[in-house]
Amino acid sequence: MSALNLRRFDLNLLVIFQAIILRRSVAGAAGQIGLSPSAVSHALARLRIMLNDELFLRTPTGLEPTARALELYEEIETGLSHISTAIELQHRFDPARSERIFSMRIADYVGGILLPRLSERLCREAPGVSVQVLPFSVAEEQVTDSADVQIMFTPNDQHQNEARSKRLLTDRFMVVMREDHPAASQEMTAELYASLKHVKLSMAATGTKLIDDALARRGLRRQVVMTVPSWFDMPEIIEKTDLVAIVPSSWPQADARLARLHSVALPLEEVSFSIDLCWDVRRERDPGQRWFRTLISEIFSEEA
């Protein structure tokens, strides 16, 4: 059957054909698939015309398939089985057997929290699954793109309509500087904070400019002396210069390099260290995505 003819063919007729083969009667097929005997008879008449064969002959014991019907049945049975399997797989996901590749965009601050634990869980529960970690694109205002999920800063719970999100973590920011920094003994205000010289992560690493936006609302602007792609080198830079940076409040207790620095609360009350898991609403029902999102959520729950 050509592709053109297939588009005109009602595939439901094949289900009816299969039922008649198995039941050997119109009434039996009707009962199996939940149609009236009249509807099944009309379907059989259409099948005979479309397939150019009588398909079934009436006998004292019921409807007997023709040789052509038996040949067709083998092919139709295989085809319907493949279709059924494809639909079933759409509703389930087996991480232990999957070789799927997931992609994710992640804020640099979060990588140290998530990635080691994610690797451990994948090795244990889904050894064939791979994850590609991507930097944020230039268009950071877009919540959705080609990545399966994004883990990002999301100020004020704002998301675009095409995205779904789940809050993973909420914390406060601290301003960190070397212990003998000239500003260490002063009261930290928004004005003082903006007047200092800063080292910051690039937007490709964070996926947001919420600090600069909060300062702009106050008519302030900070002087960024250095922008780096990763957090790794920032503690050394801060310790050896007059540059300041911001970190989540829990980090100085977890990182010995930060513990050596002077820290004070960020004087921008509306700015919190909020991390959201975001995904495209169009992929929400994908069983593999649901599993991946659940896994990420569980890891952050363990850290809470």
Protein backbone atom coordinates (compact mmCIF):
# COMPACT_ATOMS: atom_id res chain seq x y z
CA MET A 1 0.00 0.00 0.00
CA SER A 2 1.49 3.34 -1.03
CA ALA A 3 2.00 6.18 1.47
CA LEU A 4 -0.76 8.09 -0.31
CA ASN A 5 -3.24 5.23 0.04
CA LEU A 6 -2.19 4.65 3.65
CA ARG A 7 -3.14 8.22 4.53
CA ARG A 8 -6.63 7.48 3.23
CA PHE A 9 -6.88 4.16 5.07
CA ASP A 10 -8.71 3.97 8.39
CA LEU A 11 -6.30 2.04 10.61
CA ASN A 12 -9.17 1.20 12.97
CA LEU A 13 -10.33 -1.23 10.28
CA LEU A 14 -7.24 -3.32 10.95
CA VAL A 15 -8.21 -3.70 14.61
CA ILE A 16 -11.65 -4.89 13.49
CA PHE A 17 -10.06 -7.27 10.97
CA GLN A 18 -7.87 -8.72 13.73
CA ALA A 19 -10.89 -9.22 16.00
CA ILE A 20 -12.86 -11.06 13.28
CA ILE A 21 -9.92 -13.37 12.64
CA LEU A 22 -9.70 -14.23 16.33
CA ARG A 23 -13.44 -14.55 17.00
CA ARG A 24 -14.51 -15.99 13.66
CA SER A 25 -17.79 -14.04 13.85
CA VAL A 26 -19.07 -10.53 13.42
CA ALA A 27 -20.94 -10.63 16.74
CA GLY A 28 -17.90 -11.97 18.61
CA ALA A 29 -15.65 -9.29 17.12
CA ALA A 30 -18.22 -6.63 17.98
CA GLY A 31 -18.28 -7.73 21.60
CA GLN A 32 -14.49 -7.79 21.84
CA ILE A 33 -13.89 -4.27 20.57
CA GLY A 34 -17.06 -2.60 21.88
CA LEU A 35 -18.88 -1.90 18.63
CA SER A 36 -22.28 -2.95 17.37
CA PRO A 37 -22.52 -5.96 15.00
CA SER A 38 -23.86 -3.57 12.35
CA ALA A 39 -20.76 -1.36 12.64
CA VAL A 40 -18.47 -4.38 12.33
CA SER A 41 -20.40 -5.59 9.25
CA HIS A 42 -20.01 -2.20 7.59
CA ALA A 43 -16.30 -2.19 8.44
CA LEU A 44 -15.87 -5.64 6.93
CA ALA A 45 -17.58 -4.49 3.75
CA ARG A 46 -15.13 -1.56 3.51
CA LEU A 47 -12.19 -3.88 4.11
CA ARG A 48 -13.29 -6.20 1.30
CA ILE A 49 -13.36 -3.29 -1.13
CA MET A 50 -10.09 -1.72 0.03
CA LEU A 51 -8.16 -5.00 0.14
CA ASN A 52 -9.81 -6.43 -2.99
CA ASP A 53 -10.59 -9.78 -1.40
CA GLU A 54 -13.60 -11.52 0.14
CA LEU A 55 -11.46 -12.02 3.30
CA PHE A 56 -14.01 -14.23 5.11
CA LEU A 57 -16.39 -16.99 3.95
CA ARG A 58 -19.47 -18.04 5.88
CA THR A 59 -19.41 -21.67 7.04
CA PRO A 60 -21.51 -23.69 9.54
CA THR A 61 -18.79 -23.13 12.15
CA GLY A 62 -18.42 -19.39 11.58
CA LEU A 63 -16.42 -17.06 9.36
CA GLU A 64 -13.39 -18.70 7.79
CA PRO A 65 -10.56 -16.45 6.55
CA THR A 66 -9.43 -16.75 2.97
CA ALA A 67 -5.82 -17.50 2.11
CA ARG A 68 -5.29 -13.80 1.38
CA ALA A 69 -6.78 -12.88 4.77
CA LEU A 70 -4.40 -15.25 6.56
CA GLU A 71 -1.42 -13.71 4.73
CA LEU A 72 -2.59 -10.23 5.63
CA TYR A 73 -3.18 -11.23 9.24
CA GLU A 74 0.49 -12.11 9.80
CA GLU A 75 1.58 -8.68 8.55
CA ILE A 76 -1.20 -6.81 10.33
CA GLU A 77 -0.55 -8.63 13.61
CA THR A 78 3.12 -7.64 13.46
CA GLY A 79 2.30 -4.03 12.58
CA LEU A 80 -0.30 -3.61 15.33
CA SER A 81 2.12 -5.16 17.80
CA HIS A 82 4.80 -2.61 16.90
CA ILE A 83 2.31 0.25 17.21
CA SER A 84 1.09 -1.04 20.59
CA THR A 85 4.67 -1.35 21.87
CA ALA A 86 5.52 2.19 20.72
CA ILE A 87 2.48 3.61 22.51
CA GLU A 88 3.24 1.62 25.66
CA LEU A 89 6.85 2.86 25.72
CA GLN A 90 5.53 6.42 25.57
CA HIS A 91 3.89 5.81 28.96
CA ARG A 92 6.82 4.20 30.77
CA PHE A 93 10.56 4.61 31.12
CA ASP A 94 13.01 2.02 32.41
CA PRO A 95 16.15 3.86 33.57
CA ALA A 96 18.02 0.62 34.21
CA ARG A 97 17.76 -0.33 30.52
CA SER A 98 17.65 3.07 28.85
CA GLU A 99 20.51 4.53 26.80
CA ARG A 100 18.89 7.94 26.50
CA ILE A 101 20.99 11.12 26.47
CA PHE A 102 19.55 13.98 28.54
CA SER A 103 20.73 17.57 28.18
CA MET A 104 20.61 20.20 30.89
CA ARG A 105 21.62 23.82 31.36
CA ILE A 106 22.79 24.57 34.86
CA ALA A 107 23.89 27.62 36.81
CA ASP A 108 27.52 27.40 37.89
CA TYR A 109 26.64 27.88 41.55
CA VAL A 110 24.58 24.68 41.45
CA GLY A 111 27.01 22.37 39.70
CA GLY A 112 28.94 21.48 42.84
CA ILE A 113 25.73 20.58 44.65
CA LEU A 114 24.11 18.51 41.92
CA LEU A 115 26.59 16.99 39.50
CA PRO A 116 28.62 14.69 41.80
CA ARG A 117 25.44 13.25 43.34
CA LEU A 118 23.74 13.00 39.97
CA SER A 119 26.69 11.03 38.60
CA GLU A 120 26.53 8.68 41.57
CA ARG A 121 22.79 8.06 41.17
CA LEU A 122 23.12 7.49 37.41
CA CYS A 123 25.93 4.96 37.85
CA ARG A 124 23.83 3.08 40.37
CA GLU A 125 20.35 3.32 38.85
CA ALA A 126 20.74 4.11 35.16
CA PRO A 127 24.18 3.01 33.93
CA GLY A 128 23.26 3.45 30.26
CA VAL A 129 21.89 6.99 30.64
CA SER A 130 24.14 9.94 29.71
CA VAL A 131 23.83 13.62 30.61
CA GLN A 132 25.19 16.49 28.55
CA VAL A 133 25.72 19.62 30.67
CA LEU A 134 25.45 22.77 28.56
CA PRO A 135 26.21 26.44 29.28
CA PHE A 136 23.35 28.92 29.19
CA SER A 137 22.66 30.40 25.78
CA VAL A 138 23.05 34.08 24.96
CA ALA A 139 19.28 34.58 25.27
CA GLU A 140 19.13 34.01 29.02
CA GLU A 141 15.65 35.50 29.26
CA GLN A 142 14.32 32.43 27.51
CA VAL A 143 13.39 29.74 30.02
CA THR A 144 12.97 26.97 27.46
CA ASP A 145 15.18 25.88 24.60
CA SER A 146 16.57 22.65 23.23
CA ALA A 147 17.73 21.36 26.62
CA ASP A 148 15.60 18.82 28.48
CA VAL A 149 15.76 20.85 31.69
CA GLN A 150 17.34 24.02 33.05
CA ILE A 151 18.48 24.57 36.62
CA MET A 152 18.75 28.28 37.09
CA PHE A 153 18.28 31.37 39.22
CA THR A 154 14.69 32.54 38.87
CA PRO A 155 13.92 35.84 40.63
CA ASN A 156 10.38 36.71 41.70
CA ASP A 157 8.93 33.39 40.52
CA GLN A 158 8.67 34.69 36.97
CA HIS A 159 8.45 32.13 34.17
CA GLN A 160 7.29 32.27 30.64
CA ASN A 161 3.95 30.65 29.77
CA GLU A 162 5.53 27.80 27.82
CA ALA A 163 7.57 26.64 30.85
CA ARG A 164 6.90 24.63 33.96
CA SER A 165 9.05 25.03 37.06
CA LYS A 166 9.68 23.60 40.50
CA ARG A 167 11.53 25.33 43.33
CA LEU A 168 14.54 23.22 44.35
CA LEU A 169 16.38 25.46 46.80
CA THR A 170 16.08 28.86 48.49
CA ASP A 171 18.97 30.58 50.28
CA ARG A 172 20.33 34.09 50.89
CA PHE A 173 23.38 35.70 49.32
CA MET A 174 26.41 36.86 51.26
CA VAL A 175 28.97 39.43 50.16
CA VAL A 176 32.48 38.03 50.64
CA MET A 177 35.79 39.92 50.78
CA ARG A 178 39.21 39.43 52.31
CA GLU A 179 39.38 39.85 56.09
CA ASP A 180 41.36 43.13 55.97
CA HIS A 181 39.35 44.65 53.14
CA PRO A 182 38.77 48.42 53.69
CA ALA A 183 34.99 47.85 53.65
CA ALA A 184 35.04 44.96 56.14
CA SER A 185 34.46 47.26 59.11
CA GLN A 186 31.68 49.32 57.48
CA GLU A 187 27.94 48.74 57.51
CA MET A 188 27.05 47.07 54.23
CA THR A 189 24.42 49.07 52.35
CA ALA A 190 23.26 48.88 48.76
CA GLU A 191 25.20 52.05 48.03
CA LEU A 192 28.40 50.72 49.58
CA TYR A 193 28.00 47.39 47.83
CA ALA A 194 27.57 49.09 44.45
CA SER A 195 30.62 51.30 45.04
CA LEU A 196 32.96 48.34 45.54
CA LYS A 197 34.89 46.59 42.79
CA HIS A 198 33.48 43.21 41.88
CA VAL A 199 34.39 39.85 40.42
CA LYS A 200 31.37 37.98 39.11
CA LEU A 201 30.38 34.89 37.26
CA SER A 202 29.45 35.30 33.63
CA MET A 203 25.81 35.08 32.63
CA ALA A 204 26.71 31.92 30.73
CA ALA A 205 27.48 30.38 34.13
CA THR A 206 24.56 31.78 36.13
CA GLY A 207 21.79 32.25 33.59
CA THR A 208 20.59 35.49 35.23
CA LYS A 209 21.45 39.14 35.96
CA LEU A 210 19.24 39.52 39.02
CA ILE A 211 21.89 41.39 41.05
CA ASP A 212 22.40 44.05 38.41
CA ASP A 213 18.65 44.33 37.90
CA ALA A 214 18.11 44.87 41.65
CA LEU A 215 20.79 47.58 41.72
CA ALA A 216 19.33 49.25 38.63
CA ARG A 217 15.95 49.54 40.36
CA ARG A 218 17.75 51.61 43.02
CA GLY A 219 19.53 53.73 40.44
CA LEU A 220 22.83 51.99 41.22
CA ARG A 221 25.42 50.21 39.13
CA ARG A 222 28.37 48.16 40.28
CA GLN A 223 31.84 48.19 38.75
CA VAL A 224 32.70 44.71 37.56
CA VAL A 225 36.47 44.45 37.22
CA MET A 226 36.58 40.80 36.30
CA THR A 227 34.08 38.29 34.92
CA VAL A 228 34.96 34.61 35.15
CA PRO A 229 33.27 31.55 33.64
CA SER A 230 33.40 29.42 36.79
CA TRP A 231 33.33 29.79 40.55
CA PHE A 232 36.48 27.70 41.03
CA ASP A 233 39.06 30.54 40.90
CA MET A 234 37.01 33.24 42.63
CA PRO A 235 38.01 32.57 46.29
CA GLU A 236 41.71 33.02 45.45
CA ILE A 237 40.98 36.22 43.52
CA ILE A 238 38.98 37.66 46.42
CA GLU A 239 41.58 36.72 49.03
CA LYS A 240 44.41 38.47 47.14
CA THR A 241 42.62 41.63 45.93
CA ASP A 242 40.10 44.28 46.96
CA LEU A 243 37.46 42.65 44.76
CA VAL A 244 34.25 41.36 46.34
CA ALA A 245 31.79 38.70 45.23
CA ILE A 246 28.54 37.10 46.34
CA VAL A 247 27.96 33.49 47.38
CA PRO A 248 25.06 31.56 48.90
CA SER A 249 25.06 31.91 52.69
CA SER A 250 25.62 28.20 53.29
CA TRP A 251 28.81 28.05 51.28
CA PRO A 252 31.32 29.51 53.78
CA GLN A 253 30.51 26.63 56.14
CA ALA A 254 31.12 24.08 53.37
CA ASP A 255 34.22 25.57 51.68
CA ALA A 256 37.38 26.19 53.72
CA ARG A 257 38.56 28.84 51.26
CA LEU A 258 35.40 30.86 51.83
CA ALA A 259 35.59 30.38 55.59
CA ARG A 260 38.79 32.45 55.58
CA LEU A 261 36.96 35.43 54.05
CA HIS A 262 34.88 38.14 55.68
CA SER A 263 31.20 37.75 54.83
CA VAL A 264 28.13 39.95 55.34
CA ALA A 265 24.53 39.73 54.17
CA LEU A 266 23.81 41.10 50.71
CA PRO A 267 21.93 44.40 51.25
CA LEU A 268 19.35 43.69 48.53
CA GLU A 269 16.44 42.29 50.51
CA GLU A 270 14.38 41.10 47.55
CA VAL A 271 17.23 39.04 46.08
CA SER A 272 17.36 35.45 47.24
CA PHE A 273 19.39 32.50 46.11
CA SER A 274 16.50 30.63 44.51
CA ILE A 275 17.15 27.69 42.26
CA ASP A 276 14.36 26.39 40.03
CA LEU A 277 14.10 23.36 37.84
CA CYS A 278 12.50 24.49 34.56
CA TRP A 279 11.23 22.47 31.62
CA ASP A 280 9.20 22.91 28.46
CA VAL A 281 5.49 22.27 29.03
CA ARG A 282 5.38 20.48 25.68
CA ARG A 283 7.65 17.75 27.12
CA GLU A 284 5.94 17.50 30.48
CA ARG A 285 4.36 14.08 29.90
CA ASP A 286 7.48 12.48 28.49
CA PRO A 287 8.14 9.53 30.85
CA GLY A 288 11.92 9.85 30.58
CA GLN A 289 11.77 13.54 31.39
CA ARG A 290 9.49 12.88 34.36
CA TRP A 291 12.02 10.39 35.71
CA PHE A 292 14.93 12.80 35.15
CA ARG A 293 13.13 15.68 36.85
CA THR A 294 12.19 13.46 39.80
CA LEU A 295 15.79 12.33 40.17
CA ILE A 296 17.05 15.93 40.28
CA SER A 297 14.36 16.89 42.79
CA GLU A 298 15.29 13.98 45.06
CA ILE A 299 18.94 15.00 45.06
CA PHE A 300 18.08 18.53 46.16
CA SER A 301 15.67 17.19 48.79
CA GLU A 302 18.53 15.17 50.28
CA GLU A 303 20.54 18.39 50.58
CA ALA A 304 17.76 20.32 52.30
